PDB file of N, CA and C in Angstrom:
ATOM      1  N   UNK A   1      26.735  14.989  56.362  1.00  0.00           N
ATOM      2  CA  UNK A   1      25.616  15.594  55.663  1.00  0.00           C
ATOM      3  C   UNK A   1      25.278  14.633  54.470  1.00  0.00           C
ATOM      4  N   UNK A   2      24.068  14.255  54.369  1.00  0.00           N
ATOM      5  CA  UNK A   2      23.658  13.505  53.229  1.00  0.00           C
ATOM      6  C   UNK A   2      22.792  14.355  52.351  1.00  0.00           C
ATOM      7  N   UNK A   3      22.786  14.076  51.100  1.00  0.00           N
ATOM      8  CA  UNK A   3      22.038  14.816  50.118  1.00  0.00           C
ATOM      9  C   UNK A   3      22.859  15.570  49.151  1.00  0.00           C
ATOM     10  N   UNK A   4      22.244  16.200  48.108  1.00  0.00           N
ATOM     11  CA  UNK A   4      23.035  16.820  47.135  1.00  0.00           C
ATOM     12  C   UNK A   4      23.777  18.006  47.617  1.00  0.00           C
ATOM     13  N   UNK A   5      25.047  18.223  47.128  1.00  0.00           N
ATOM     14  CA  UNK A   5      25.723  19.368  47.414  1.00  0.00           C
ATOM     15  C   UNK A   5      25.674  20.454  46.360  1.00  0.00           C
ATOM     16  N   UNK A   6      24.654  21.297  46.415  1.00  0.00           N
ATOM     17  CA  UNK A   6      24.432  22.302  45.479  1.00  0.00           C
ATOM     18  C   UNK A   6      24.828  23.691  46.155  1.00  0.00           C
ATOM     19  N   UNK A   7      26.007  24.100  45.775  1.00  0.00           N
ATOM     20  CA  UNK A   7      26.572  25.336  46.403  1.00  0.00           C
ATOM     21  C   UNK A   7      26.086  26.531  45.496  1.00  0.00           C
ATOM     22  N   UNK A   8      25.696  27.523  46.122  1.00  0.00           N
ATOM     23  CA  UNK A   8      25.478  28.816  45.441  1.00  0.00           C
ATOM     24  C   UNK A   8      26.106  29.893  46.268  1.00  0.00           C
ATOM     25  N   UNK A   9      25.863  31.160  45.726  1.00  0.00           N
ATOM     26  CA  UNK A   9      26.520  32.285  46.414  1.00  0.00           C
ATOM     27  C   UNK A   9      25.894  32.524  47.824  1.00  0.00           C
ATOM     28  N   UNK A  10      24.616  32.295  47.987  1.00  0.00           N
ATOM     29  CA  UNK A  10      23.970  32.421  49.308  1.00  0.00           C
ATOM     30  C   UNK A  10      24.497  31.517  50.312  1.00  0.00           C
ATOM     31  N   UNK A  11      24.736  30.241  49.881  1.00  0.00           N
ATOM     32  CA  UNK A  11      25.355  29.257  50.836  1.00  0.00           C
ATOM     33  C   UNK A  11      26.737  29.547  51.251  1.00  0.00           C
ATOM     34  N   UNK A  12      27.469  30.206  50.435  1.00  0.00           N
ATOM     35  CA  UNK A  12      28.897  30.476  50.781  1.00  0.00           C
ATOM     36  C   UNK A  12      29.091  31.724  51.689  1.00  0.00           C
ATOM     37  N   UNK A  13      27.964  32.545  51.839  1.00  0.00           N
ATOM     38  CA  UNK A  13      28.021  33.614  52.688  1.00  0.00           C
ATOM     39  C   UNK A  13      27.999  33.228  54.115  1.00  0.00           C
ATOM     40  N   UNK A  14      28.600  34.071  55.002  1.00  0.00           N
ATOM     41  CA  UNK A  14      28.533  33.831  56.423  1.00  0.00           C
ATOM     42  C   UNK A  14      27.107  33.899  56.914  1.00  0.00           C
ATOM     43  N   UNK A  15      26.706  33.028  57.822  1.00  0.00           N
ATOM     44  CA  UNK A  15      25.361  32.945  58.328  1.00  0.00           C
ATOM     45  C   UNK A  15      24.315  32.824  57.257  1.00  0.00           C
ATOM     46  N   UNK A  16      24.482  31.915  56.443  1.00  0.00           N
ATOM     47  CA  UNK A  16      23.542  31.843  55.240  1.00  0.00           C
ATOM     48  C   UNK A  16      22.227  31.312  55.736  1.00  0.00           C
ATOM     49  N   UNK A  17      21.152  31.637  55.049  1.00  0.00           N
ATOM     50  CA  UNK A  17      19.851  31.200  55.371  1.00  0.00           C
ATOM     51  C   UNK A  17      19.169  30.719  54.102  1.00  0.00           C
ATOM     52  N   UNK A  18      19.830  30.645  52.961  1.00  0.00           N
ATOM     53  CA  UNK A  18      19.336  30.249  51.723  1.00  0.00           C
ATOM     54  C   UNK A  18      18.718  31.412  50.951  1.00  0.00           C
ATOM     55  N   UNK A  19      18.770  32.584  51.403  1.00  0.00           N
ATOM     56  CA  UNK A  19      18.243  33.761  50.638  1.00  0.00           C
ATOM     57  C   UNK A  19      19.427  34.510  50.076  1.00  0.00           C
ATOM     58  N   UNK A  20      19.306  34.961  48.844  1.00  0.00           N
ATOM     59  CA  UNK A  20      20.361  35.699  48.252  1.00  0.00           C
ATOM     60  C   UNK A  20      20.501  37.042  49.025  1.00  0.00           C
ATOM     61  N   UNK A  21      21.679  37.338  49.365  1.00  0.00           N
ATOM     62  CA  UNK A  21      21.909  38.564  50.173  1.00  0.00           C
ATOM     63  C   UNK A  21      21.704  39.825  49.355  1.00  0.00           C
ATOM     64  N   UNK A  22      21.146  40.852  49.948  1.00  0.00           N
ATOM     65  CA  UNK A  22      20.951  42.165  49.299  1.00  0.00           C
ATOM     66  C   UNK A  22      22.180  43.026  49.591  1.00  0.00           C
ATOM     67  N   UNK A  23      22.431  43.925  48.659  1.00  0.00           N
ATOM     68  CA  UNK A  23      23.613  44.751  48.984  1.00  0.00           C
ATOM     69  C   UNK A  23      23.447  45.740  50.098  1.00  0.00           C
ATOM     70  N   UNK A  24      24.376  45.907  50.922  1.00  0.00           N
ATOM     71  CA  UNK A  24      24.297  46.744  52.122  1.00  0.00           C
ATOM     72  C   UNK A  24      24.573  48.238  51.732  1.00  0.00           C
ATOM     73  N   UNK A  25      23.901  49.179  52.429  1.00  0.00           N
ATOM     74  CA  UNK A  25      24.128  50.590  52.172  1.00  0.00           C
ATOM     75  C   UNK A  25      25.609  50.938  52.538  1.00  0.00           C
ATOM     76  N   UNK A  26      25.981  52.062  51.996  1.00  0.00           N
ATOM     77  CA  UNK A  26      27.368  52.445  52.230  1.00  0.00           C
ATOM     78  C   UNK A  26      27.754  52.611  53.612  1.00  0.00           C
ATOM     79  N   UNK A  27      26.920  53.160  54.435  1.00  0.00           N
ATOM     80  CA  UNK A  27      27.209  53.354  55.884  1.00  0.00           C
ATOM     81  C   UNK A  27      26.982  52.087  56.704  1.00  0.00           C
ATOM     82  N   UNK A  28      26.683  50.980  56.186  1.00  0.00           N
ATOM     83  CA  UNK A  28      26.419  49.810  56.891  1.00  0.00           C
ATOM     84  C   UNK A  28      24.980  49.711  57.386  1.00  0.00           C
ATOM     85  N   UNK A  29      24.112  50.633  57.010  1.00  0.00           N
ATOM     86  CA  UNK A  29      22.688  50.587  57.388  1.00  0.00           C
ATOM     87  C   UNK A  29      22.514  50.963  58.823  1.00  0.00           C
ATOM     88  N   UNK A  30      23.325  51.847  59.380  1.00  0.00           N
ATOM     89  CA  UNK A  30      23.215  52.187  60.735  1.00  0.00           C
ATOM     90  C   UNK A  30      22.071  53.137  60.986  1.00  0.00           C
ATOM     91  N   UNK A  31      21.487  53.023  62.191  1.00  0.00           N
ATOM     92  CA  UNK A  31      20.373  53.942  62.508  1.00  0.00           C
ATOM     93  C   UNK A  31      21.048  55.176  63.177  1.00  0.00           C
ATOM     94  N   UNK A  32      20.375  56.331  63.021  1.00  0.00           N
ATOM     95  CA  UNK A  32      20.908  57.617  63.689  1.00  0.00           C
ATOM     96  C   UNK A  32      20.712  57.471  65.200  1.00  0.00           C
ATOM     97  N   UNK A  33      21.584  58.116  65.930  1.00  0.00           N
ATOM     98  CA  UNK A  33      21.549  58.101  67.417  1.00  0.00           C
ATOM     99  C   UNK A  33      20.268  58.564  67.971  1.00  0.00           C
ATOM    100  N   UNK A  34      19.572  59.448  67.221  1.00  0.00           N
ATOM    101  CA  UNK A  34      18.282  59.979  67.709  1.00  0.00           C
ATOM    102  C   UNK A  34      17.230  58.852  68.022  1.00  0.00           C
ATOM    103  N   UNK A  35      17.240  57.802  67.211  1.00  0.00           N
ATOM    104  CA  UNK A  35      16.346  56.685  67.418  1.00  0.00           C
ATOM    105  C   UNK A  35      16.582  56.038  68.868  1.00  0.00           C
ATOM    106  N   UNK A  36      17.936  55.787  69.087  1.00  0.00           N
ATOM    107  CA  UNK A  36      18.284  55.227  70.393  1.00  0.00           C
ATOM    108  C   UNK A  36      17.959  56.099  71.564  1.00  0.00           C
ATOM    109  N   UNK A  37      18.187  57.406  71.466  1.00  0.00           N
ATOM    110  CA  UNK A  37      17.923  58.341  72.502  1.00  0.00           C
ATOM    111  C   UNK A  37      16.366  58.409  72.772  1.00  0.00           C
ATOM    112  N   UNK A  38      15.607  58.356  71.755  1.00  0.00           N
ATOM    113  CA  UNK A  38      14.169  58.363  71.847  1.00  0.00           C
ATOM    114  C   UNK A  38      13.680  57.141  72.598  1.00  0.00           C
ATOM    115  N   UNK A  39      14.253  55.961  72.183  1.00  0.00           N
ATOM    116  CA  UNK A  39      13.894  54.683  72.858  1.00  0.00           C
ATOM    117  C   UNK A  39      14.248  54.689  74.345  1.00  0.00           C
ATOM    118  N   UNK A  40      15.453  55.265  74.653  1.00  0.00           N
ATOM    119  CA  UNK A  40      15.925  55.296  76.090  1.00  0.00           C
ATOM    120  C   UNK A  40      15.028  56.204  76.868  1.00  0.00           C
ATOM    121  N   UNK A  41      14.590  57.356  76.285  1.00  0.00           N
ATOM    122  CA  UNK A  41      13.655  58.302  76.977  1.00  0.00           C
ATOM    123  C   UNK A  41      12.358  57.579  77.310  1.00  0.00           C
ATOM    124  N   UNK A  42      11.818  56.833  76.373  1.00  0.00           N
ATOM    125  CA  UNK A  42      10.548  56.140  76.670  1.00  0.00           C
ATOM    126  C   UNK A  42      10.738  55.098  77.704  1.00  0.00           C
ATOM    127  N   UNK A  43      11.878  54.492  77.782  1.00  0.00           N
ATOM    128  CA  UNK A  43      12.076  53.399  78.813  1.00  0.00           C
ATOM    129  C   UNK A  43      12.299  54.085  80.202  1.00  0.00           C
ATOM    130  N   UNK A  44      12.998  55.192  80.169  1.00  0.00           N
ATOM    131  CA  UNK A  44      13.171  55.940  81.510  1.00  0.00           C
ATOM    132  C   UNK A  44      11.821  56.398  82.013  1.00  0.00           C
ATOM    133  N   UNK A  45      11.007  56.882  81.094  1.00  0.00           N
ATOM    134  CA  UNK A  45       9.706  57.357  81.605  1.00  0.00           C
ATOM    135  C   UNK A  45       8.731  56.262  81.997  1.00  0.00           C
ATOM    136  N   UNK A  46       8.874  55.123  81.292  1.00  0.00           N
ATOM    137  CA  UNK A  46       8.042  53.982  81.699  1.00  0.00           C
ATOM    138  C   UNK A  46       8.482  53.449  83.071  1.00  0.00           C
ATOM    139  N   UNK A  47       9.807  53.400  83.353  1.00  0.00           N
ATOM    140  CA  UNK A  47      10.336  52.924  84.621  1.00  0.00           C
ATOM    141  C   UNK A  47       9.827  53.844  85.766  1.00  0.00           C
ATOM    142  N   UNK A  48       9.880  55.208  85.468  1.00  0.00           N
ATOM    143  CA  UNK A  48       9.420  56.076  86.437  1.00  0.00           C
ATOM    144  C   UNK A  48       7.921  55.884  86.732  1.00  0.00           C
ATOM    145  N   UNK A  49       7.160  55.586  85.784  1.00  0.00           N
ATOM    146  CA  UNK A  49       5.690  55.459  85.937  1.00  0.00           C
ATOM    147  C   UNK A  49       5.482  54.105  86.772  1.00  0.00           C
ATOM    148  N   UNK A  50       6.311  53.156  86.551  1.00  0.00           N
ATOM    149  CA  UNK A  50       6.210  51.934  87.362  1.00  0.00           C
ATOM    150  C   UNK A  50       6.229  52.172  88.856  1.00  0.00           C
ATOM    151  N   UNK A  51       6.978  53.087  89.217  1.00  0.00           N
ATOM    152  CA  UNK A  51       7.081  53.400  90.720  1.00  0.00           C
ATOM    153  C   UNK A  51       5.703  53.917  91.290  1.00  0.00           C
ATOM    154  N   UNK A  52       4.706  54.261  90.410  1.00  0.00           N
ATOM    155  CA  UNK A  52       3.555  54.765  90.918  1.00  0.00           C
ATOM    156  C   UNK A  52       2.645  53.487  91.455  1.00  0.00           C
ATOM    157  N   UNK A  53       2.853  52.293  90.900  1.00  0.00           N
ATOM    158  CA  UNK A  53       1.990  51.205  91.291  1.00  0.00           C
ATOM    159  C   UNK A  53       2.147  50.810  92.824  1.00  0.00           C
ATOM    160  N   UNK A  54       3.501  50.679  93.260  1.00  0.00           N
ATOM    161  CA  UNK A  54       3.466  50.321  94.684  1.00  0.00           C
ATOM    162  C   UNK A  54       3.003  51.402  95.576  1.00  0.00           C
ATOM    163  N   UNK A  55       3.188  52.686  95.202  1.00  0.00           N
ATOM    164  CA  UNK A  55       2.633  53.737  96.008  1.00  0.00           C
ATOM    165  C   UNK A  55       1.032  53.684  96.042  1.00  0.00           C
ATOM    166  N   UNK A  56       0.418  53.406  94.921  1.00  0.00           N
ATOM    167  CA  UNK A  56      -1.033  53.250  94.928  1.00  0.00           C
ATOM    168  C   UNK A  56      -1.496  52.136  95.759  1.00  0.00           C
ATOM    169  N   UNK A  57      -0.738  50.998  95.775  1.00  0.00           N
ATOM    170  CA  UNK A  57      -1.106  49.841  96.598  1.00  0.00           C
ATOM    171  C   UNK A  57      -1.002  50.182  98.062  1.00  0.00           C
ATOM    172  N   UNK A  58       0.102  50.893  98.519  1.00  0.00           N
ATOM    173  CA  UNK A  58       0.296  51.166  99.887  1.00  0.00           C
ATOM    174  C   UNK A  58      -0.122  52.528 100.322  1.00  0.00           C
ATOM    175  N   UNK A  59      -1.046  53.201  99.566  1.00  0.00           N
ATOM    176  CA  UNK A  59      -1.349  54.575  99.841  1.00  0.00           C
ATOM    177  C   UNK A  59      -1.935  54.744 101.195  1.00  0.00           C
ATOM    178  N   UNK A  60      -2.798  53.841 101.740  1.00  0.00           N
ATOM    179  CA  UNK A  60      -3.415  53.982 103.050  1.00  0.00           C
ATOM    180  C   UNK A  60      -2.397  53.994 104.186  1.00  0.00           C
ATOM    181  N   UNK A  61      -1.284  53.204 104.046  1.00  0.00           N
ATOM    182  CA  UNK A  61      -0.301  53.037 105.037  1.00  0.00           C
ATOM    183  C   UNK A  61       0.745  54.083 105.081  1.00  0.00           C
ATOM    184  N   UNK A  62       0.829  54.890 103.880  1.00  0.00           N
ATOM    185  CA  UNK A  62       1.903  55.926 103.829  1.00  0.00           C
ATOM    186  C   UNK A  62       1.420  57.249 104.402  1.00  0.00           C
ATOM    187  N   UNK A  63       0.181  57.500 104.317  1.00  0.00           N
ATOM    188  CA  UNK A  63      -0.354  58.718 104.866  1.00  0.00           C
ATOM    189  C   UNK A  63       0.062  60.029 104.118  1.00  0.00           C
ATOM    190  N   UNK A  64       0.210  61.120 104.880  1.00  0.00           N
ATOM    191  CA  UNK A  64       0.570  62.458 104.304  1.00  0.00           C
ATOM    192  C   UNK A  64       1.971  62.372 103.715  1.00  0.00           C
ATOM    193  N   UNK A  65       2.903  61.730 104.446  1.00  0.00           N
ATOM    194  CA  UNK A  65       4.317  61.639 103.992  1.00  0.00           C
ATOM    195  C   UNK A  65       4.397  60.976 102.619  1.00  0.00           C
ATOM    196  N   UNK A  66       3.632  59.893 102.370  1.00  0.00           N
ATOM    197  CA  UNK A  66       3.654  59.203 101.084  1.00  0.00           C
ATOM    198  C   UNK A  66       3.060  60.166 100.002  1.00  0.00           C
ATOM    199  N   UNK A  67       2.105  60.843 100.357  1.00  0.00           N
ATOM    200  CA  UNK A  67       1.443  61.787  99.323  1.00  0.00           C
ATOM    201  C   UNK A  67       2.402  62.883  98.936  1.00  0.00           C
ATOM    202  N   UNK A  68       3.016  63.502  99.965  1.00  0.00           N
ATOM    203  CA  UNK A  68       4.108  64.570  99.616  1.00  0.00           C
ATOM    204  C   UNK A  68       5.213  64.004  98.780  1.00  0.00           C
ATOM    205  N   UNK A  69       5.789  62.883  99.106  1.00  0.00           N
ATOM    206  CA  UNK A  69       6.810  62.223  98.439  1.00  0.00           C
ATOM    207  C   UNK A  69       6.413  61.935  96.959  1.00  0.00           C
ATOM    208  N   UNK A  70       5.238  61.438  96.753  1.00  0.00           N
ATOM    209  CA  UNK A  70       4.842  61.140  95.406  1.00  0.00           C
ATOM    210  C   UNK A  70       4.448  62.404  94.605  1.00  0.00           C
ATOM    211  N   UNK A  71       4.010  63.381  95.187  1.00  0.00           N
ATOM    212  CA  UNK A  71       3.873  64.735  94.499  1.00  0.00           C
ATOM    213  C   UNK A  71       5.176  65.248  94.063  1.00  0.00           C
ATOM    214  N   UNK A  72       6.193  65.209  94.922  1.00  0.00           N
ATOM    215  CA  UNK A  72       7.518  65.645  94.530  1.00  0.00           C
ATOM    216  C   UNK A  72       8.114  64.756  93.461  1.00  0.00           C
ATOM    217  N   UNK A  73       7.852  63.432  93.471  1.00  0.00           N
ATOM    218  CA  UNK A  73       8.363  62.538  92.405  1.00  0.00           C
ATOM    219  C   UNK A  73       7.727  62.845  91.134  1.00  0.00           C
ATOM    220  N   UNK A  74       6.336  63.111  91.033  1.00  0.00           N
ATOM    221  CA  UNK A  74       5.691  63.370  89.853  1.00  0.00           C
ATOM    222  C   UNK A  74       6.114  64.726  89.280  1.00  0.00           C
ATOM    223  N   UNK A  75       6.326  65.710  90.141  1.00  0.00           N
ATOM    224  CA  UNK A  75       6.772  67.008  89.758  1.00  0.00           C
ATOM    225  C   UNK A  75       8.174  66.889  89.121  1.00  0.00           C
ATOM    226  N   UNK A  76       9.048  66.033  89.631  1.00  0.00           N
ATOM    227  CA  UNK A  76      10.384  65.824  89.050  1.00  0.00           C
ATOM    228  C   UNK A  76      10.227  65.203  87.724  1.00  0.00           C
ATOM    229  N   UNK A  77       9.343  64.162  87.564  1.00  0.00           N
ATOM    230  CA  UNK A  77       9.174  63.551  86.280  1.00  0.00           C
ATOM    231  C   UNK A  77       8.633  64.544  85.253  1.00  0.00           C
ATOM    232  N   UNK A  78       7.609  65.403  85.693  1.00  0.00           N
ATOM    233  CA  UNK A  78       7.055  66.330  84.733  1.00  0.00           C
ATOM    234  C   UNK A  78       8.058  67.390  84.353  1.00  0.00           C
ATOM    235  N   UNK A  79       8.945  67.790  85.233  1.00  0.00           N
ATOM    236  CA  UNK A  79      10.019  68.773  84.874  1.00  0.00           C
ATOM    237  C   UNK A  79      10.951  68.089  83.847  1.00  0.00           C
ATOM    238  N   UNK A  80      11.362  66.868  84.064  1.00  0.00           N
ATOM    239  CA  UNK A  80      12.282  66.190  83.082  1.00  0.00           C
ATOM    240  C   UNK A  80      11.480  65.977  81.804  1.00  0.00           C
ATOM    241  N   UNK A  81      10.226  65.681  81.772  1.00  0.00           N
ATOM    242  CA  UNK A  81       9.409  65.517  80.520  1.00  0.00           C
ATOM    243  C   UNK A  81       9.366  66.876  79.749  1.00  0.00           C
ATOM    244  N   UNK A  82       9.091  67.968  80.494  1.00  0.00           N
ATOM    245  CA  UNK A  82       9.033  69.275  79.849  1.00  0.00           C
ATOM    246  C   UNK A  82      10.386  69.715  79.244  1.00  0.00           C
ATOM    247  N   UNK A  83      11.496  69.330  80.001  1.00  0.00           N
ATOM    248  CA  UNK A  83      12.766  69.656  79.503  1.00  0.00           C
ATOM    249  C   UNK A  83      13.061  68.950  78.199  1.00  0.00           C
ATOM    250  N   UNK A  84      12.785  67.664  78.125  1.00  0.00           N
ATOM    251  CA  UNK A  84      13.073  66.959  76.935  1.00  0.00           C
ATOM    252  C   UNK A  84      12.138  67.364  75.791  1.00  0.00           C
ATOM    253  N   UNK A  85      10.986  67.702  76.117  1.00  0.00           N
ATOM    254  CA  UNK A  85      10.014  68.185  75.068  1.00  0.00           C
ATOM    255  C   UNK A  85      10.408  69.525  74.521  1.00  0.00           C
ATOM    256  N   UNK A  86      10.864  70.447  75.451  1.00  0.00           N
ATOM    257  CA  UNK A  86      11.275  71.736  74.892  1.00  0.00           C
ATOM    258  C   UNK A  86      12.632  71.693  74.115  1.00  0.00           C
ATOM    259  N   UNK A  87      13.518  70.669  74.401  1.00  0.00           N
ATOM    260  CA  UNK A  87      14.667  70.493  73.655  1.00  0.00           C
ATOM    261  C   UNK A  87      14.503  69.792  72.364  1.00  0.00           C
ATOM    262  N   UNK A  88      13.261  69.255  72.104  1.00  0.00           N
ATOM    263  CA  UNK A  88      13.072  68.537  70.850  1.00  0.00           C
ATOM    264  C   UNK A  88      13.267  67.005  70.830  1.00  0.00           C
ATOM    265  N   UNK A  89      13.482  66.524  72.014  1.00  0.00           N
ATOM    266  CA  UNK A  89      13.829  65.171  72.140  1.00  0.00           C
ATOM    267  C   UNK A  89      12.747  64.203  71.822  1.00  0.00           C
ATOM    268  N   UNK A  90      11.556  64.588  71.724  1.00  0.00           N
ATOM    269  CA  UNK A  90      10.368  63.760  71.464  1.00  0.00           C
ATOM    270  C   UNK A  90       9.830  63.865  69.990  1.00  0.00           C
ATOM    271  N   UNK A  91      10.539  64.755  69.221  1.00  0.00           N
ATOM    272  CA  UNK A  91      10.117  64.963  67.808  1.00  0.00           C
ATOM    273  C   UNK A  91      10.703  63.836  66.940  1.00  0.00           C
ATOM    274  N   UNK A  92       9.800  63.263  66.150  1.00  0.00           N
ATOM    275  CA  UNK A  92      10.255  62.091  65.351  1.00  0.00           C
ATOM    276  C   UNK A  92      10.402  62.670  63.997  1.00  0.00           C
ATOM    277  N   UNK A  93      11.679  62.735  63.498  1.00  0.00           N
ATOM    278  CA  UNK A  93      11.936  63.311  62.106  1.00  0.00           C
ATOM    279  C   UNK A  93      12.129  62.191  61.128  1.00  0.00           C
TER     280      UNK A  93
END
């Protein structure tokens, strides 16, 4: 390394970036589990909705069987959504 060696408190910290570190909260700044559960719910519902695209593309080839299966799938998703909604899983506090 060439150049001046000016050591300060920020450079001596692990993973320094040249900015003075701010004090961490007592709990380590952790997020409540509710945030992670809400994020996982949105991911699950998004993945379930992704299944609608191949069905829409192949709708002509599936016929009545495909329609019945998709109606059952959508009803299952709506039941799960209603359950989560009634339990307060989508409320952002």
